[in-house]
Amino acid sequence: SFGINDMGWFRQAPGKERELVATISSGTTNYADSVKSRFTISRDNA
């Protein structure tokens, strides 16, 4: 995991384009407006 800069989640529903759900990098998180306050992204210690 030494070279991993960031990790995140995307989703794709039938007939729709793939969209960003959430990302995490160096403790900073980012969420799509549609999932804010409902979804939480996290990483383990490793």
ModelCIF file with pLDDT and N, C-alpha, C, O atoms, coordinates in Angstrom:
data_MODEL
#
_entry.id   MODEL 
#
_entity.id                         1 
_entity.type                       polymer 
_entity.pdbx_number_of_molecules   1 
#
_entity_poly.entity_id                      1 
_entity_poly.type                           'polypeptide(L)' 
_entity_poly.nstd_linkage                   no 
_entity_poly.nstd_monomer                   no 
_entity_poly.pdbx_seq_one_letter_code       SFGINDMGWFRQAPGKERELVATISSGTTNYADSVKSRFTISRDNA 
_entity_poly.pdbx_seq_one_letter_code_can   SFGINDMGWFRQAPGKERELVATISSGTTNYADSVKSRFTISRDNA 
_entity_poly.pdbx_strand_id                 A 
#
loop_
_entity_poly_seq.entity_id 
_entity_poly_seq.num 
_entity_poly_seq.mon_id 
_entity_poly_seq.hetero 
1 1  SER n 
1 2  PHE n 
1 3  GLY n 
1 4  ILE n 
1 5  ASN n 
1 6  ASP n 
1 7  MET n 
1 8  GLY n 
1 9  TRP n 
1 10 PHE n 
1 11 ARG n 
1 12 GLN n 
1 13 ALA n 
1 14 PRO n 
1 15 GLY n 
1 16 LYS n 
1 17 GLU n 
1 18 ARG n 
1 19 GLU n 
1 20 LEU n 
1 21 VAL n 
1 22 ALA n 
1 23 THR n 
1 24 ILE n 
1 25 SER n 
1 26 SER n 
1 27 GLY n 
1 28 THR n 
1 29 THR n 
1 30 ASN n 
1 31 TYR n 
1 32 ALA n 
1 33 ASP n 
1 34 SER n 
1 35 VAL n 
1 36 LYS n 
1 37 SER n 
1 38 ARG n 
1 39 PHE n 
1 40 THR n 
1 41 ILE n 
1 42 SER n 
1 43 ARG n 
1 44 ASP n 
1 45 ASN n 
1 46 ALA n 
#
_struct_asym.id          A 
_struct_asym.entity_id   1 
#
loop_
_ma_qa_metric.id 
_ma_qa_metric.mode 
_ma_qa_metric.name 
_ma_qa_metric.software_group_id 
_ma_qa_metric.type 
1 global pLDDT . pLDDT 
2 local  pLDDT . pLDDT 
#
_ma_qa_metric_global.metric_id      1 
_ma_qa_metric_global.metric_value   91.65 
_ma_qa_metric_global.model_id       1 
_ma_qa_metric_global.ordinal_id     1 
#
loop_
_ma_qa_metric_local.label_asym_id 
_ma_qa_metric_local.label_comp_id 
_ma_qa_metric_local.label_seq_id 
_ma_qa_metric_local.metric_id 
_ma_qa_metric_local.metric_value 
_ma_qa_metric_local.model_id 
_ma_qa_metric_local.ordinal_id 
A SER 1  2 57.00 1 1  
A PHE 2  2 63.00 1 2  
A GLY 3  2 76.00 1 3  
A ILE 4  2 82.00 1 4  
A ASN 5  2 84.00 1 5  
A ASP 6  2 90.00 1 6  
A MET 7  2 93.00 1 7  
A GLY 8  2 96.00 1 8  
A TRP 9  2 98.00 1 9  
A PHE 10 2 98.00 1 10 
A ARG 11 2 98.00 1 11 
A GLN 12 2 98.00 1 12 
A ALA 13 2 96.00 1 13 
A PRO 14 2 90.00 1 14 
A GLY 15 2 93.00 1 15 
A LYS 16 2 96.00 1 16 
A GLU 17 2 96.00 1 17 
A ARG 18 2 97.00 1 18 
A GLU 19 2 97.00 1 19 
A LEU 20 2 97.00 1 20 
A VAL 21 2 98.00 1 21 
A ALA 22 2 98.00 1 22 
A THR 23 2 97.00 1 23 
A ILE 24 2 95.00 1 24 
A SER 25 2 91.00 1 25 
A SER 26 2 84.00 1 26 
A GLY 27 2 85.00 1 27 
A THR 28 2 94.00 1 28 
A THR 29 2 97.00 1 29 
A ASN 30 2 97.00 1 30 
A TYR 31 2 98.00 1 31 
A ALA 32 2 98.00 1 32 
A ASP 33 2 97.00 1 33 
A SER 34 2 96.00 1 34 
A VAL 35 2 97.00 1 35 
A LYS 36 2 96.00 1 36 
A SER 37 2 95.00 1 37 
A ARG 38 2 98.00 1 38 
A PHE 39 2 98.00 1 39 
A THR 40 2 98.00 1 40 
A ILE 41 2 97.00 1 41 
A SER 42 2 96.00 1 42 
A ARG 43 2 92.00 1 43 
A ASP 44 2 87.00 1 44 
A ASN 45 2 69.00 1 45 
A ALA 46 2 73.00 1 46 
#
loop_
_atom_site.group_PDB 
_atom_site.id 
_atom_site.type_symbol 
_atom_site.label_atom_id 
_atom_site.label_alt_id 
_atom_site.label_comp_id 
_atom_site.label_asym_id 
_atom_site.label_entity_id 
_atom_site.label_seq_id 
_atom_site.pdbx_PDB_ins_code 
_atom_site.Cartn_x 
_atom_site.Cartn_y 
_atom_site.Cartn_z 
_atom_site.occupancy 
_atom_site.B_iso_or_equiv 
_atom_site.pdbx_formal_charge 
_atom_site.auth_seq_id 
_atom_site.auth_comp_id 
_atom_site.auth_asym_id 
_atom_site.auth_atom_id 
_atom_site.pdbx_PDB_model_num 
ATOM 1   N N  . SER A 1 1  ? 0.812   -1.210 0.000   1.00 57.00 ? 1  SER A N  1 
ATOM 2   C CA . SER A 1 1  ? 0.000   0.000  0.000   1.00 57.00 ? 1  SER A CA 1 
ATOM 3   C C  . SER A 1 1  ? 0.849   1.266  0.000   1.00 57.00 ? 1  SER A C  1 
ATOM 4   O O  . SER A 1 1  ? 0.319   2.373  0.099   1.00 57.00 ? 1  SER A O  1 
ATOM 5   N N  . PHE A 1 2  ? 2.147   1.106  -0.109  1.00 63.00 ? 2  PHE A N  1 
ATOM 6   C CA . PHE A 1 2  ? 3.057   2.243  -0.014  1.00 63.00 ? 2  PHE A CA 1 
ATOM 7   C C  . PHE A 1 2  ? 2.750   3.317  -1.042  1.00 63.00 ? 2  PHE A C  1 
ATOM 8   O O  . PHE A 1 2  ? 2.818   4.508  -0.741  1.00 63.00 ? 2  PHE A O  1 
ATOM 9   N N  . GLY A 1 3  ? 2.414   2.898  -2.252  1.00 76.00 ? 3  GLY A N  1 
ATOM 10  C CA . GLY A 1 3  ? 2.221   3.856  -3.331  1.00 76.00 ? 3  GLY A CA 1 
ATOM 11  C C  . GLY A 1 3  ? 0.790   4.273  -3.592  1.00 76.00 ? 3  GLY A C  1 
ATOM 12  O O  . GLY A 1 3  ? 0.522   4.966  -4.573  1.00 76.00 ? 3  GLY A O  1 
ATOM 13  N N  . ILE A 1 4  ? -0.138  3.866  -2.733  1.00 82.00 ? 4  ILE A N  1 
ATOM 14  C CA . ILE A 1 4  ? -1.536  4.225  -2.935  1.00 82.00 ? 4  ILE A CA 1 
ATOM 15  C C  . ILE A 1 4  ? -1.775  5.648  -2.439  1.00 82.00 ? 4  ILE A C  1 
ATOM 16  O O  . ILE A 1 4  ? -1.637  5.930  -1.248  1.00 82.00 ? 4  ILE A O  1 
ATOM 17  N N  . ASN A 1 5  ? -2.131  6.533  -3.349  1.00 84.00 ? 5  ASN A N  1 
ATOM 18  C CA . ASN A 1 5  ? -2.377  7.926  -2.999  1.00 84.00 ? 5  ASN A CA 1 
ATOM 19  C C  . ASN A 1 5  ? -3.782  8.161  -2.470  1.00 84.00 ? 5  ASN A C  1 
ATOM 20  O O  . ASN A 1 5  ? -3.973  8.927  -1.526  1.00 84.00 ? 5  ASN A O  1 
ATOM 21  N N  . ASP A 1 6  ? -4.764  7.506  -3.075  1.00 90.00 ? 6  ASP A N  1 
ATOM 22  C CA . ASP A 1 6  ? -6.141  7.711  -2.698  1.00 90.00 ? 6  ASP A CA 1 
ATOM 23  C C  . ASP A 1 6  ? -6.961  6.474  -3.034  1.00 90.00 ? 6  ASP A C  1 
ATOM 24  O O  . ASP A 1 6  ? -6.564  5.655  -3.863  1.00 90.00 ? 6  ASP A O  1 
ATOM 25  N N  . MET A 1 7  ? -8.103  6.351  -2.383  1.00 93.00 ? 7  MET A N  1 
ATOM 26  C CA . MET A 1 7  ? -9.052  5.297  -2.686  1.00 93.00 ? 7  MET A CA 1 
ATOM 27  C C  . MET A 1 7  ? -10.449 5.898  -2.681  1.00 93.00 ? 7  MET A C  1 
ATOM 28  O O  . MET A 1 7  ? -10.697 6.915  -2.033  1.00 93.00 ? 7  MET A O  1 
ATOM 29  N N  . GLY A 1 8  ? -11.343 5.269  -3.396  1.00 96.00 ? 8  GLY A N  1 
ATOM 30  C CA . GLY A 1 8  ? -12.682 5.805  -3.459  1.00 96.00 ? 8  GLY A CA 1 
ATOM 31  C C  . GLY A 1 8  ? -13.688 4.816  -3.996  1.00 96.00 ? 8  GLY A C  1 
ATOM 32  O O  . GLY A 1 8  ? -13.358 3.691  -4.371  1.00 96.00 ? 8  GLY A O  1 
ATOM 33  N N  . TRP A 1 9  ? -14.928 5.273  -4.022  1.00 98.00 ? 9  TRP A N  1 
ATOM 34  C CA . TRP A 1 9  ? -16.042 4.474  -4.512  1.00 98.00 ? 9  TRP A CA 1 
ATOM 35  C C  . TRP A 1 9  ? -16.780 5.221  -5.609  1.00 98.00 ? 9  TRP A C  1 
ATOM 36  O O  . TRP A 1 9  ? -17.046 6.418  -5.496  1.00 98.00 ? 9  TRP A O  1 
ATOM 37  N N  . PHE A 1 10 ? -17.101 4.508  -6.654  1.00 98.00 ? 10 PHE A N  1 
ATOM 38  C CA . PHE A 1 10 ? -17.944 4.999  -7.727  1.00 98.00 ? 10 PHE A CA 1 
ATOM 39  C C  . PHE A 1 10 ? -19.125 4.050  -7.869  1.00 98.00 ? 10 PHE A C  1 
ATOM 40  O O  . PHE A 1 10 ? -19.083 2.925  -7.372  1.00 98.00 ? 10 PHE A O  1 
ATOM 41  N N  . ARG A 1 11 ? -20.170 4.497  -8.540  1.00 98.00 ? 11 ARG A N  1 
ATOM 42  C CA . ARG A 1 11 ? -21.304 3.618  -8.774  1.00 98.00 ? 11 ARG A CA 1 
ATOM 43  C C  . ARG A 1 11 ? -21.897 3.885  -10.140 1.00 98.00 ? 11 ARG A C  1 
ATOM 44  O O  . ARG A 1 11 ? -21.761 4.975  -10.695 1.00 98.00 ? 11 ARG A O  1 
ATOM 45  N N  . GLN A 1 12 ? -22.560 2.868  -10.674 1.00 98.00 ? 12 GLN A N  1 
ATOM 46  C CA . GLN A 1 12 ? -23.194 2.986  -11.974 1.00 98.00 ? 12 GLN A CA 1 
ATOM 47  C C  . GLN A 1 12 ? -24.517 2.238  -11.963 1.00 98.00 ? 12 GLN A C  1 
ATOM 48  O O  . GLN A 1 12 ? -24.560 1.030  -11.730 1.00 98.00 ? 12 GLN A O  1 
ATOM 49  N N  . ALA A 1 13 ? -25.590 2.965  -12.218 1.00 96.00 ? 13 ALA A N  1 
ATOM 50  C CA . ALA A 1 13 ? -26.915 2.381  -12.322 1.00 96.00 ? 13 ALA A CA 1 
ATOM 51  C C  . ALA A 1 13 ? -27.220 2.099  -13.790 1.00 96.00 ? 13 ALA A C  1 
ATOM 52  O O  . ALA A 1 13 ? -26.631 2.726  -14.670 1.00 96.00 ? 13 ALA A O  1 
ATOM 53  N N  . PRO A 1 14 ? -28.134 1.162  -14.071 1.00 90.00 ? 14 PRO A N  1 
ATOM 54  C CA . PRO A 1 14 ? -28.482 0.853  -15.460 1.00 90.00 ? 14 PRO A CA 1 
ATOM 55  C C  . PRO A 1 14 ? -28.924 2.092  -16.224 1.00 90.00 ? 14 PRO A C  1 
ATOM 56  O O  . PRO A 1 14 ? -29.774 2.848  -15.754 1.00 90.00 ? 14 PRO A O  1 
ATOM 57  N N  . GLY A 1 15 ? -28.350 2.296  -17.395 1.00 93.00 ? 15 GLY A N  1 
ATOM 58  C CA . GLY A 1 15 ? -28.711 3.424  -18.230 1.00 93.00 ? 15 GLY A CA 1 
ATOM 59  C C  . GLY A 1 15 ? -28.099 4.748  -17.822 1.00 93.00 ? 15 GLY A C  1 
ATOM 60  O O  . GLY A 1 15 ? -28.396 5.775  -18.432 1.00 93.00 ? 15 GLY A O  1 
ATOM 61  N N  . LYS A 1 16 ? -27.252 4.751  -16.808 1.00 96.00 ? 16 LYS A N  1 
ATOM 62  C CA . LYS A 1 16 ? -26.620 5.974  -16.344 1.00 96.00 ? 16 LYS A CA 1 
ATOM 63  C C  . LYS A 1 16 ? -25.103 5.845  -16.390 1.00 96.00 ? 16 LYS A C  1 
ATOM 64  O O  . LYS A 1 16 ? -24.558 4.741  -16.421 1.00 96.00 ? 16 LYS A O  1 
ATOM 65  N N  . GLU A 1 17 ? -24.435 6.994  -16.395 1.00 96.00 ? 17 GLU A N  1 
ATOM 66  C CA . GLU A 1 17 ? -22.983 6.992  -16.405 1.00 96.00 ? 17 GLU A CA 1 
ATOM 67  C C  . GLU A 1 17 ? -22.437 6.749  -15.008 1.00 96.00 ? 17 GLU A C  1 
ATOM 68  O O  . GLU A 1 17 ? -23.119 6.988  -14.012 1.00 96.00 ? 17 GLU A O  1 
ATOM 69  N N  . ARG A 1 18 ? -21.202 6.273  -14.946 1.00 97.00 ? 18 ARG A N  1 
ATOM 70  C CA . ARG A 1 18 ? -20.568 6.041  -13.661 1.00 97.00 ? 18 ARG A CA 1 
ATOM 71  C C  . ARG A 1 18 ? -20.340 7.373  -12.956 1.00 97.00 ? 18 ARG A C  1 
ATOM 72  O O  . ARG A 1 18 ? -19.893 8.338  -13.575 1.00 97.00 ? 18 ARG A O  1 
ATOM 73  N N  . GLU A 1 19 ? -20.645 7.425  -11.668 1.00 97.00 ? 19 GLU A N  1 
ATOM 74  C CA . GLU A 1 19 ? -20.517 8.656  -10.908 1.00 97.00 ? 19 GLU A CA 1 
ATOM 75  C C  . GLU A 1 19 ? -19.704 8.443  -9.642  1.00 97.00 ? 19 GLU A C  1 
ATOM 76  O O  . GLU A 1 19 ? -19.664 7.349  -9.079  1.00 97.00 ? 19 GLU A O  1 
ATOM 77  N N  . LEU A 1 20 ? -19.064 9.511  -9.216  1.00 97.00 ? 20 LEU A N  1 
ATOM 78  C CA . LEU A 1 20 ? -18.302 9.496  -7.974  1.00 97.00 ? 20 LEU A CA 1 
ATOM 79  C C  . LEU A 1 20 ? -19.242 9.431  -6.784  1.00 97.00 ? 20 LEU A C  1 
ATOM 80  O O  . LEU A 1 20 ? -20.244 10.144 -6.734  1.00 97.00 ? 20 LEU A O  1 
ATOM 81  N N  . VAL A 1 21 ? -18.916 8.574  -5.826  1.00 98.00 ? 21 VAL A N  1 
ATOM 82  C CA . VAL A 1 21 ? -19.666 8.481  -4.580  1.00 98.00 ? 21 VAL A CA 1 
ATOM 83  C C  . VAL A 1 21 ? -18.879 9.135  -3.448  1.00 98.00 ? 21 VAL A C  1 
ATOM 84  O O  . VAL A 1 21 ? -19.387 10.031 -2.774  1.00 98.00 ? 21 VAL A O  1 
ATOM 85  N N  . ALA A 1 22 ? -17.641 8.690  -3.239  1.00 98.00 ? 22 ALA A N  1 
ATOM 86  C CA . ALA A 1 22 ? -16.815 9.220  -2.162  1.00 98.00 ? 22 ALA A CA 1 
ATOM 87  C C  . ALA A 1 22 ? -15.361 8.866  -2.402  1.00 98.00 ? 22 ALA A C  1 
ATOM 88  O O  . ALA A 1 22 ? -15.054 7.841  -3.011  1.00 98.00 ? 22 ALA A O  1 
ATOM 89  N N  . THR A 1 23 ? -14.464 9.721  -1.921  1.00 97.00 ? 23 THR A N  1 
ATOM 90  C CA . THR A 1 23 ? -13.032 9.454  -1.987  1.00 97.00 ? 23 THR A CA 1 
ATOM 91  C C  . THR A 1 23 ? -12.389 9.799  -0.655  1.00 97.00 ? 23 THR A C  1 
ATOM 92  O O  . THR A 1 23 ? -12.932 10.578 0.129   1.00 97.00 ? 23 THR A O  1 
ATOM 93  N N  . ILE A 1 24 ? -11.219 9.206  -0.408  1.00 95.00 ? 24 ILE A N  1 
ATOM 94  C CA . ILE A 1 24 ? -10.452 9.518  0.795   1.00 95.00 ? 24 ILE A CA 1 
ATOM 95  C C  . ILE A 1 24 ? -8.977  9.523  0.434   1.00 95.00 ? 24 ILE A C  1 
ATOM 96  O O  . ILE A 1 24 ? -8.486  8.613  -0.235  1.00 95.00 ? 24 ILE A O  1 
ATOM 97  N N  . SER A 1 25 ? -8.273  10.560 0.884   1.00 91.00 ? 25 SER A N  1 
ATOM 98  C CA . SER A 1 25 ? -6.854  10.707 0.617   1.00 91.00 ? 25 SER A CA 1 
ATOM 99  C C  . SER A 1 25 ? -6.220  11.494 1.755   1.00 91.00 ? 25 SER A C  1 
ATOM 100 O O  . SER A 1 25 ? -6.614  12.627 2.031   1.00 91.00 ? 25 SER A O  1 
ATOM 101 N N  . SER A 1 26 ? -5.233  10.886 2.414   1.00 84.00 ? 26 SER A N  1 
ATOM 102 C CA . SER A 1 26 ? -4.533  11.520 3.532   1.00 84.00 ? 26 SER A CA 1 
ATOM 103 C C  . SER A 1 26 ? -5.503  12.058 4.585   1.00 84.00 ? 26 SER A C  1 
ATOM 104 O O  . SER A 1 26 ? -5.286  13.124 5.161   1.00 84.00 ? 26 SER A O  1 
ATOM 105 N N  . GLY A 1 27 ? -6.562  11.310 4.823   1.00 85.00 ? 27 GLY A N  1 
ATOM 106 C CA . GLY A 1 27 ? -7.540  11.690 5.820   1.00 85.00 ? 27 GLY A CA 1 
ATOM 107 C C  . GLY A 1 27 ? -8.609  12.643 5.340   1.00 85.00 ? 27 GLY A C  1 
ATOM 108 O O  . GLY A 1 27 ? -9.576  12.893 6.060   1.00 85.00 ? 27 GLY A O  1 
ATOM 109 N N  . THR A 1 28 ? -8.462  13.181 4.146   1.00 94.00 ? 28 THR A N  1 
ATOM 110 C CA . THR A 1 28 ? -9.448  14.097 3.590   1.00 94.00 ? 28 THR A CA 1 
ATOM 111 C C  . THR A 1 28 ? -10.494 13.322 2.800   1.00 94.00 ? 28 THR A C  1 
ATOM 112 O O  . THR A 1 28 ? -10.155 12.496 1.952   1.00 94.00 ? 28 THR A O  1 
ATOM 113 N N  . THR A 1 29 ? -11.751 13.589 3.078   1.00 97.00 ? 29 THR A N  1 
ATOM 114 C CA . THR A 1 29 ? -12.839 12.894 2.402   1.00 97.00 ? 29 THR A CA 1 
ATOM 115 C C  . THR A 1 29 ? -13.623 13.825 1.504   1.00 97.00 ? 29 THR A C  1 
ATOM 116 O O  . THR A 1 29 ? -13.669 15.035 1.722   1.00 97.00 ? 29 THR A O  1 
ATOM 117 N N  . ASN A 1 30 ? -14.236 13.242 0.492   1.00 97.00 ? 30 ASN A N  1 
ATOM 118 C CA . ASN A 1 30 ? -15.057 13.978 -0.446  1.00 97.00 ? 30 ASN A CA 1 
ATOM 119 C C  . ASN A 1 30 ? -16.267 13.123 -0.793  1.00 97.00 ? 30 ASN A C  1 
ATOM 120 O O  . ASN A 1 30 ? -16.134 11.921 -1.024  1.00 97.00 ? 30 ASN A O  1 
ATOM 121 N N  . TYR A 1 31 ? -17.451 13.740 -0.831  1.00 98.00 ? 31 TYR A N  1 
ATOM 122 C CA . TYR A 1 31 ? -18.683 13.009 -1.078  1.00 98.00 ? 31 TYR A CA 1 
ATOM 123 C C  . TYR A 1 31 ? -19.512 13.681 -2.156  1.00 98.00 ? 31 TYR A C  1 
ATOM 124 O O  . TYR A 1 31 ? -19.498 14.903 -2.306  1.00 98.00 ? 31 TYR A O  1 
ATOM 125 N N  . ALA A 1 32 ? -20.227 12.864 -2.897  1.00 98.00 ? 32 ALA A N  1 
ATOM 126 C CA . ALA A 1 32 ? -21.238 13.396 -3.787  1.00 98.00 ? 32 ALA A CA 1 
ATOM 127 C C  . ALA A 1 32 ? -22.365 14.001 -2.956  1.00 98.00 ? 32 ALA A C  1 
ATOM 128 O O  . ALA A 1 32 ? -22.670 13.516 -1.866  1.00 98.00 ? 32 ALA A O  1 
ATOM 129 N N  . ASP A 1 33 ? -22.983 15.063 -3.475  1.00 97.00 ? 33 ASP A N  1 
ATOM 130 C CA . ASP A 1 33 ? -24.054 15.725 -2.738  1.00 97.00 ? 33 ASP A CA 1 
ATOM 131 C C  . ASP A 1 33 ? -25.196 14.768 -2.396  1.00 97.00 ? 33 ASP A C  1 
ATOM 132 O O  . ASP A 1 33 ? -25.833 14.910 -1.353  1.00 97.00 ? 33 ASP A O  1 
ATOM 133 N N  . SER A 1 34 ? -25.452 13.806 -3.262  1.00 96.00 ? 34 SER A N  1 
ATOM 134 C CA . SER A 1 34 ? -26.574 12.901 -3.082  1.00 96.00 ? 34 SER A CA 1 
ATOM 135 C C  . SER A 1 34 ? -26.397 11.931 -1.914  1.00 96.00 ? 34 SER A C  1 
ATOM 136 O O  . SER A 1 34 ? -27.374 11.336 -1.458  1.00 96.00 ? 34 SER A O  1 
ATOM 137 N N  . VAL A 1 35 ? -25.164 11.763 -1.422  1.00 97.00 ? 35 VAL A N  1 
ATOM 138 C CA . VAL A 1 35 ? -24.924 10.796 -0.350  1.00 97.00 ? 35 VAL A CA 1 
ATOM 139 C C  . VAL A 1 35 ? -24.399 11.438 0.924   1.00 97.00 ? 35 VAL A C  1 
ATOM 140 O O  . VAL A 1 35 ? -24.209 10.746 1.924   1.00 97.00 ? 35 VAL A O  1 
ATOM 141 N N  . LYS A 1 36 ? -24.160 12.740 0.911   1.00 96.00 ? 36 LYS A N  1 
ATOM 142 C CA . LYS A 1 36 ? -23.675 13.421 2.107   1.00 96.00 ? 36 LYS A CA 1 
ATOM 143 C C  . LYS A 1 36 ? -24.650 13.223 3.264   1.00 96.00 ? 36 LYS A C  1 
ATOM 144 O O  . LYS A 1 36 ? -25.866 13.268 3.079   1.00 96.00 ? 36 LYS A O  1 
ATOM 145 N N  . SER A 1 37 ? -24.109 13.006 4.449   1.00 95.00 ? 37 SER A N  1 
ATOM 146 C CA . SER A 1 37 ? -24.851 12.778 5.686   1.00 95.00 ? 37 SER A CA 1 
ATOM 147 C C  . SER A 1 37 ? -25.436 11.374 5.776   1.00 95.00 ? 37 SER A C  1 
ATOM 148 O O  . SER A 1 37 ? -26.005 11.009 6.805   1.00 95.00 ? 37 SER A O  1 
ATOM 149 N N  . ARG A 1 38 ? -25.305 10.589 4.721   1.00 98.00 ? 38 ARG A N  1 
ATOM 150 C CA . ARG A 1 38 ? -25.805 9.217  4.745   1.00 98.00 ? 38 ARG A CA 1 
ATOM 151 C C  . ARG A 1 38 ? -24.685 8.186  4.617   1.00 98.00 ? 38 ARG A C  1 
ATOM 152 O O  . ARG A 1 38 ? -24.754 7.122  5.232   1.00 98.00 ? 38 ARG A O  1 
ATOM 153 N N  . PHE A 1 39 ? -23.657 8.487  3.828   1.00 98.00 ? 39 PHE A N  1 
ATOM 154 C CA . PHE A 1 39 ? -22.554 7.561  3.592   1.00 98.00 ? 39 PHE A CA 1 
ATOM 155 C C  . PHE A 1 39 ? -21.296 8.061  4.283   1.00 98.00 ? 39 PHE A C  1 
ATOM 156 O O  . PHE A 1 39 ? -21.093 9.268  4.417   1.00 98.00 ? 39 PHE A O  1 
ATOM 157 N N  . THR A 1 40 ? -20.452 7.133  4.723   1.00 98.00 ? 40 THR A N  1 
ATOM 158 C CA . THR A 1 40 ? -19.173 7.465  5.330   1.00 98.00 ? 40 THR A CA 1 
ATOM 159 C C  . THR A 1 40 ? -18.079 6.579  4.749   1.00 98.00 ? 40 THR A C  1 
ATOM 160 O O  . THR A 1 40 ? -18.193 5.353  4.757   1.00 98.00 ? 40 THR A O  1 
ATOM 161 N N  . ILE A 1 41 ? -17.022 7.200  4.247   1.00 97.00 ? 41 ILE A N  1 
ATOM 162 C CA . ILE A 1 41 ? -15.889 6.454  3.721   1.00 97.00 ? 41 ILE A CA 1 
ATOM 163 C C  . ILE A 1 41 ? -14.763 6.471  4.745   1.00 97.00 ? 41 ILE A C  1 
ATOM 164 O O  . ILE A 1 41 ? -14.545 7.480  5.415   1.00 97.00 ? 41 ILE A O  1 
ATOM 165 N N  . SER A 1 42 ? -14.049 5.356  4.867   1.00 96.00 ? 42 SER A N  1 
ATOM 166 C CA . SER A 1 42 ? -12.952 5.259  5.819   1.00 96.00 ? 42 SER A CA 1 
ATOM 167 C C  . SER A 1 42 ? -11.919 4.258  5.325   1.00 96.00 ? 42 SER A C  1 
ATOM 168 O O  . SER A 1 42 ? -12.200 3.444  4.445   1.00 96.00 ? 42 SER A O  1 
ATOM 169 N N  . ARG A 1 43 ? -10.713 4.323  5.903   1.00 92.00 ? 43 ARG A N  1 
ATOM 170 C CA . ARG A 1 43 ? -9.638  3.389  5.590   1.00 92.00 ? 43 ARG A CA 1 
ATOM 171 C C  . ARG A 1 43 ? -9.076  2.828  6.891   1.00 92.00 ? 43 ARG A C  1 
ATOM 172 O O  . ARG A 1 43 ? -9.113  3.488  7.930   1.00 92.00 ? 43 ARG A O  1 
ATOM 173 N N  . ASP A 1 44 ? -8.552  1.592  6.825   1.00 87.00 ? 44 ASP A N  1 
ATOM 174 C CA . ASP A 1 44 ? -7.947  1.010  8.007   1.00 87.00 ? 44 ASP A CA 1 
ATOM 175 C C  . ASP A 1 44 ? -6.545  1.578  8.211   1.00 87.00 ? 44 ASP A C  1 
ATOM 176 O O  . ASP A 1 44 ? -6.059  2.362  7.395   1.00 87.00 ? 44 ASP A O  1 
ATOM 177 N N  . ASN A 1 45 ? -5.897  1.176  9.309   1.00 69.00 ? 45 ASN A N  1 
ATOM 178 C CA . ASN A 1 45 ? -4.592  1.737  9.646   1.00 69.00 ? 45 ASN A CA 1 
ATOM 179 C C  . ASN A 1 45 ? -3.529  1.431  8.601   1.00 69.00 ? 45 ASN A C  1 
ATOM 180 O O  . ASN A 1 45 ? -2.625  2.237  8.382   1.00 69.00 ? 45 ASN A O  1 
ATOM 181 N N  . ALA A 1 46 ? -3.627  0.295  7.967   1.00 73.00 ? 46 ALA A N  1 
ATOM 182 C CA . ALA A 1 46 ? -2.667  -0.077 6.928   1.00 73.00 ? 46 ALA A CA 1 
ATOM 183 C C  . ALA A 1 46 ? -2.958  0.632  5.607   1.00 73.00 ? 46 ALA A C  1 
ATOM 184 O O  . ALA A 1 46 ? -2.241  0.429  4.627   1.00 73.00 ? 46 ALA A O  1 
#
